[in-house]
Amino acid sequence: MLNVLNVLNVLNVLNVLNVLNVLNVLNVLNTAVRFSELQRAVSPMTQKELTCESLLFEQRGRVSRQGYPEVPPRVEYCITALGLTLRSALEPVAEGMRTHAIS
């Protein structure tokens, strides 16, 4: 029988991996990335989850967000110098994700 705490722990780990995946994509590309491109790169993370995490990263100074008043609206994210300081911590995680990726 599944223990509720075990299920919550698994969900917590998956959430952390999603968050690390967002930072990793921005870190590797090191250029402005449109929201839709970022969303495709971190699939299956939902749009709502990505929006929330991106706003938290922006508030913490890890990424910068640039909105353009166009139709349709365009928003680009770029990793900041502070976010780049996480590169050494993210590289092993990225390697593990590549090694154990599900095709």
N, C-alpha and C. Protein backbone atom coordinates (compact mmCIF):
# COMPACT_ATOMS: atom_id res chain seq x y z
N MET A 1 0.84 -1.19 0.00
CA MET A 1 0.00 0.00 0.00
C MET A 1 0.88 1.25 0.00
N LEU A 2 0.48 2.22 -0.80
CA LEU A 2 1.28 3.45 -0.91
C LEU A 2 1.08 4.32 0.32
N ASN A 3 2.16 4.75 0.84
CA ASN A 3 2.15 5.67 1.96
C ASN A 3 2.02 7.09 1.40
N VAL A 4 1.17 7.89 2.01
CA VAL A 4 0.94 9.26 1.54
C VAL A 4 2.25 10.06 1.54
N LEU A 5 3.05 9.88 2.56
CA LEU A 5 4.33 10.61 2.62
C LEU A 5 5.25 10.21 1.49
N ASN A 6 5.27 8.92 1.13
CA ASN A 6 6.10 8.48 0.02
C ASN A 6 5.64 9.12 -1.29
N VAL A 7 4.33 9.17 -1.50
CA VAL A 7 3.79 9.79 -2.71
C VAL A 7 4.16 11.27 -2.74
N LEU A 8 4.01 11.95 -1.62
CA LEU A 8 4.36 13.38 -1.55
C LEU A 8 5.84 13.60 -1.80
N ASN A 9 6.68 12.71 -1.28
CA ASN A 9 8.13 12.81 -1.51
C ASN A 9 8.46 12.65 -3.00
N VAL A 10 7.82 11.70 -3.65
CA VAL A 10 8.04 11.50 -5.08
C VAL A 10 7.60 12.73 -5.86
N LEU A 11 6.43 13.27 -5.53
CA LEU A 11 5.94 14.47 -6.21
C LEU A 11 6.87 15.65 -5.97
N ASN A 12 7.41 15.75 -4.78
CA ASN A 12 8.36 16.81 -4.45
C ASN A 12 9.62 16.70 -5.29
N VAL A 13 10.15 15.49 -5.43
CA VAL A 13 11.34 15.26 -6.25
C VAL A 13 11.07 15.62 -7.70
N LEU A 14 9.90 15.22 -8.22
CA LEU A 14 9.55 15.55 -9.60
C LEU A 14 9.44 17.05 -9.80
N ASN A 15 8.90 17.76 -8.82
CA ASN A 15 8.79 19.21 -8.90
C ASN A 15 10.18 19.84 -8.93
N VAL A 16 11.08 19.36 -8.08
CA VAL A 16 12.45 19.89 -8.06
C VAL A 16 13.13 19.65 -9.40
N LEU A 17 12.92 18.47 -9.99
CA LEU A 17 13.51 18.19 -11.30
C LEU A 17 12.96 19.13 -12.37
N ASN A 18 11.66 19.44 -12.32
CA ASN A 18 11.09 20.39 -13.27
C ASN A 18 11.74 21.76 -13.11
N VAL A 19 11.89 22.19 -11.89
CA VAL A 19 12.50 23.49 -11.62
C VAL A 19 13.95 23.51 -12.12
N LEU A 20 14.69 22.47 -11.82
CA LEU A 20 16.08 22.39 -12.28
C LEU A 20 16.15 22.34 -13.79
N ASN A 21 15.18 21.69 -14.42
CA ASN A 21 15.15 21.61 -15.87
C ASN A 21 14.98 23.00 -16.49
N VAL A 22 14.13 23.83 -15.92
CA VAL A 22 13.94 25.20 -16.42
C VAL A 22 15.25 25.97 -16.34
N LEU A 23 15.87 25.94 -15.17
CA LEU A 23 17.15 26.66 -15.02
C LEU A 23 18.22 26.09 -15.93
N ASN A 24 18.22 24.78 -16.09
CA ASN A 24 19.22 24.15 -16.94
C ASN A 24 19.07 24.58 -18.39
N VAL A 25 17.85 24.62 -18.90
CA VAL A 25 17.63 25.04 -20.29
C VAL A 25 18.14 26.46 -20.49
N LEU A 26 17.78 27.36 -19.59
CA LEU A 26 18.24 28.74 -19.71
C LEU A 26 19.75 28.84 -19.56
N ASN A 27 20.30 28.03 -18.68
CA ASN A 27 21.74 28.05 -18.44
C ASN A 27 22.51 27.57 -19.66
N VAL A 28 22.05 26.48 -20.26
CA VAL A 28 22.75 25.91 -21.41
C VAL A 28 22.67 26.86 -22.61
N LEU A 29 21.48 27.39 -22.87
CA LEU A 29 21.31 28.26 -24.03
C LEU A 29 21.98 29.61 -23.84
N ASN A 30 21.92 30.15 -22.61
CA ASN A 30 22.54 31.43 -22.28
C ASN A 30 22.17 32.53 -23.27
N THR A 31 20.92 32.53 -23.69
CA THR A 31 20.39 33.54 -24.58
C THR A 31 18.91 33.71 -24.28
N ALA A 32 18.30 34.75 -24.82
CA ALA A 32 16.87 34.96 -24.59
C ALA A 32 16.06 33.83 -25.21
N VAL A 33 15.09 33.32 -24.43
CA VAL A 33 14.25 32.21 -24.87
C VAL A 33 12.80 32.61 -24.70
N ARG A 34 12.02 32.44 -25.77
CA ARG A 34 10.59 32.74 -25.68
C ARG A 34 9.91 31.75 -24.76
N PHE A 35 8.83 32.20 -24.12
CA PHE A 35 8.10 31.36 -23.18
C PHE A 35 7.66 30.06 -23.85
N SER A 36 7.14 30.15 -25.07
CA SER A 36 6.65 28.94 -25.76
C SER A 36 7.78 27.95 -26.02
N GLU A 37 8.98 28.45 -26.35
CA GLU A 37 10.14 27.57 -26.57
C GLU A 37 10.55 26.90 -25.25
N LEU A 38 10.54 27.68 -24.19
CA LEU A 38 10.89 27.16 -22.88
C LEU A 38 9.88 26.10 -22.45
N GLN A 39 8.61 26.36 -22.72
CA GLN A 39 7.57 25.40 -22.35
C GLN A 39 7.75 24.07 -23.09
N ARG A 40 8.09 24.13 -24.37
CA ARG A 40 8.34 22.89 -25.13
C ARG A 40 9.56 22.15 -24.58
N ALA A 41 10.56 22.90 -24.17
CA ALA A 41 11.80 22.29 -23.68
C ALA A 41 11.62 21.59 -22.33
N VAL A 42 10.68 22.05 -21.52
CA VAL A 42 10.50 21.48 -20.19
C VAL A 42 9.23 20.64 -20.08
N SER A 43 8.69 20.27 -21.21
CA SER A 43 7.50 19.42 -21.22
C SER A 43 7.78 18.17 -20.40
N PRO A 44 6.87 17.67 -19.62
CA PRO A 44 5.43 17.91 -19.52
C PRO A 44 5.02 18.93 -18.45
N MET A 45 5.90 19.82 -18.04
CA MET A 45 5.55 20.85 -17.08
C MET A 45 4.43 21.70 -17.66
N THR A 46 3.40 21.98 -16.87
CA THR A 46 2.26 22.73 -17.38
C THR A 46 2.59 24.21 -17.51
N GLN A 47 1.79 24.92 -18.27
CA GLN A 47 1.99 26.35 -18.47
C GLN A 47 1.89 27.09 -17.14
N LYS A 48 0.94 26.69 -16.31
CA LYS A 48 0.78 27.34 -15.00
C LYS A 48 2.01 27.12 -14.12
N GLU A 49 2.53 25.89 -14.08
CA GLU A 49 3.72 25.60 -13.28
C GLU A 49 4.92 26.41 -13.78
N LEU A 50 5.08 26.44 -15.09
CA LEU A 50 6.21 27.17 -15.67
C LEU A 50 6.09 28.66 -15.38
N THR A 51 4.89 29.20 -15.50
CA THR A 51 4.67 30.62 -15.21
C THR A 51 5.03 30.93 -13.76
N CYS A 52 4.55 30.11 -12.83
CA CYS A 52 4.84 30.32 -11.41
C CYS A 52 6.34 30.23 -11.12
N GLU A 53 6.98 29.20 -11.64
CA GLU A 53 8.42 29.03 -11.39
C GLU A 53 9.23 30.16 -12.02
N SER A 54 8.85 30.56 -13.23
CA SER A 54 9.57 31.64 -13.91
C SER A 54 9.47 32.94 -13.12
N LEU A 55 8.29 33.22 -12.57
CA LEU A 55 8.12 34.43 -11.76
C LEU A 55 8.97 34.36 -10.49
N LEU A 56 9.04 33.18 -9.88
CA LEU A 56 9.89 33.02 -8.69
C LEU A 56 11.36 33.22 -9.03
N PHE A 57 11.79 32.66 -10.17
CA PHE A 57 13.18 32.86 -10.59
C PHE A 57 13.46 34.33 -10.83
N GLU A 58 12.50 35.02 -11.42
CA GLU A 58 12.68 36.45 -11.68
C GLU A 58 12.77 37.22 -10.36
N GLN A 59 11.89 36.92 -9.41
CA GLN A 59 11.91 37.59 -8.11
C GLN A 59 13.21 37.34 -7.37
N ARG A 60 13.80 36.18 -7.56
CA ARG A 60 15.05 35.84 -6.87
C ARG A 60 16.28 36.27 -7.65
N GLY A 61 16.08 36.90 -8.82
CA GLY A 61 17.20 37.41 -9.59
C GLY A 61 17.92 36.38 -10.43
N ARG A 62 17.34 35.19 -10.59
CA ARG A 62 17.98 34.12 -11.37
C ARG A 62 17.77 34.28 -12.87
N VAL A 63 16.63 34.83 -13.25
CA VAL A 63 16.34 35.07 -14.66
C VAL A 63 15.78 36.47 -14.82
N SER A 64 15.90 36.99 -16.03
CA SER A 64 15.26 38.27 -16.35
C SER A 64 14.13 37.98 -17.33
N ARG A 65 13.09 38.78 -17.25
CA ARG A 65 11.91 38.60 -18.09
C ARG A 65 11.68 39.88 -18.87
N GLN A 66 11.50 39.74 -20.16
CA GLN A 66 11.23 40.90 -21.02
C GLN A 66 9.93 40.64 -21.77
N GLY A 67 8.94 41.49 -21.52
CA GLY A 67 7.66 41.38 -22.23
C GLY A 67 7.60 42.39 -23.36
N TYR A 68 6.98 42.01 -24.47
CA TYR A 68 6.85 42.88 -25.64
C TYR A 68 5.36 43.08 -25.93
N PRO A 69 4.93 44.32 -26.09
CA PRO A 69 3.51 44.60 -26.34
C PRO A 69 3.13 44.31 -27.80
N GLU A 70 3.04 43.05 -28.12
CA GLU A 70 2.72 42.61 -29.47
C GLU A 70 1.47 41.75 -29.42
N VAL A 71 0.93 41.46 -30.59
CA VAL A 71 -0.18 40.51 -30.69
C VAL A 71 0.28 39.38 -31.57
N PRO A 72 0.37 38.15 -31.08
CA PRO A 72 0.16 37.77 -29.68
C PRO A 72 1.31 38.24 -28.81
N PRO A 73 1.06 38.34 -27.49
CA PRO A 73 2.11 38.82 -26.59
C PRO A 73 3.35 37.93 -26.66
N ARG A 74 4.50 38.56 -26.53
CA ARG A 74 5.76 37.82 -26.55
C ARG A 74 6.50 38.11 -25.25
N VAL A 75 6.96 37.05 -24.61
CA VAL A 75 7.74 37.17 -23.39
C VAL A 75 8.99 36.33 -23.56
N GLU A 76 10.13 36.91 -23.22
CA GLU A 76 11.40 36.19 -23.31
C GLU A 76 12.06 36.15 -21.95
N TYR A 77 12.71 35.02 -21.69
CA TYR A 77 13.44 34.83 -20.44
C TYR A 77 14.90 34.62 -20.76
N CYS A 78 15.75 35.14 -19.89
CA CYS A 78 17.19 35.00 -20.07
C CYS A 78 17.81 34.81 -18.68
N ILE A 79 18.77 33.93 -18.59
CA ILE A 79 19.42 33.70 -17.30
C ILE A 79 20.30 34.91 -16.97
N THR A 80 20.34 35.27 -15.71
CA THR A 80 21.14 36.42 -15.27
C THR A 80 22.52 35.95 -14.82
N ALA A 81 23.37 36.92 -14.49
CA ALA A 81 24.70 36.58 -13.97
C ALA A 81 24.58 35.77 -12.69
N LEU A 82 23.61 36.12 -11.86
CA LEU A 82 23.38 35.35 -10.63
C LEU A 82 22.94 33.92 -10.96
N GLY A 83 22.08 33.78 -11.94
CA GLY A 83 21.65 32.45 -12.37
C GLY A 83 22.79 31.63 -12.93
N LEU A 84 23.72 32.29 -13.62
CA LEU A 84 24.87 31.58 -14.18
C LEU A 84 25.80 31.02 -13.10
N THR A 85 25.74 31.59 -11.90
CA THR A 85 26.57 31.06 -10.82
C THR A 85 26.14 29.66 -10.42
N LEU A 86 24.95 29.24 -10.83
CA LEU A 86 24.45 27.90 -10.53
C LEU A 86 24.93 26.86 -11.54
N ARG A 87 25.65 27.31 -12.56
CA ARG A 87 26.07 26.41 -13.64
C ARG A 87 26.81 25.17 -13.12
N SER A 88 27.76 25.36 -12.22
CA SER A 88 28.53 24.21 -11.74
C SER A 88 27.66 23.21 -10.99
N ALA A 89 26.61 23.69 -10.35
CA ALA A 89 25.69 22.80 -9.64
C ALA A 89 24.73 22.12 -10.61
N LEU A 90 24.38 22.81 -11.69
CA LEU A 90 23.39 22.27 -12.64
C LEU A 90 23.98 21.30 -13.64
N GLU A 91 25.27 21.42 -13.95
CA GLU A 91 25.86 20.55 -14.96
C GLU A 91 25.75 19.06 -14.63
N PRO A 92 26.02 18.62 -13.39
CA PRO A 92 25.84 17.19 -13.09
C PRO A 92 24.38 16.75 -13.20
N VAL A 93 23.46 17.63 -12.81
CA VAL A 93 22.04 17.31 -12.92
C VAL A 93 21.65 17.16 -14.39
N ALA A 94 22.13 18.08 -15.22
CA ALA A 94 21.83 18.03 -16.65
C ALA A 94 22.40 16.75 -17.27
N GLU A 95 23.60 16.39 -16.87
CA GLU A 95 24.21 15.16 -17.40
C GLU A 95 23.40 13.95 -16.99
N GLY A 96 22.95 13.92 -15.75
CA GLY A 96 22.11 12.81 -15.29
C GLY A 96 20.80 12.75 -16.04
N MET A 97 20.21 13.91 -16.34
CA MET A 97 18.96 13.92 -17.10
C MET A 97 19.18 13.42 -18.52
N ARG A 98 20.30 13.79 -19.12
CA ARG A 98 20.59 13.30 -20.47
C ARG A 98 20.85 11.79 -20.46
N THR A 99 21.59 11.33 -19.47
CA THR A 99 21.94 9.91 -19.38
C THR A 99 20.69 9.05 -19.17
N HIS A 100 19.77 9.54 -18.36
CA HIS A 100 18.60 8.74 -18.00
C HIS A 100 17.32 9.23 -18.66
N ALA A 101 17.46 9.94 -19.78
CA ALA A 101 16.28 10.46 -20.48
C ALA A 101 15.42 9.33 -21.01
N ILE A 102 14.12 9.58 -20.96
CA ILE A 102 13.17 8.61 -21.52
C ILE A 102 12.91 9.01 -22.96
N SER A 103 13.13 8.08 -23.87
CA SER A 103 12.94 8.38 -25.30
C SER A 103 11.49 8.28 -25.68
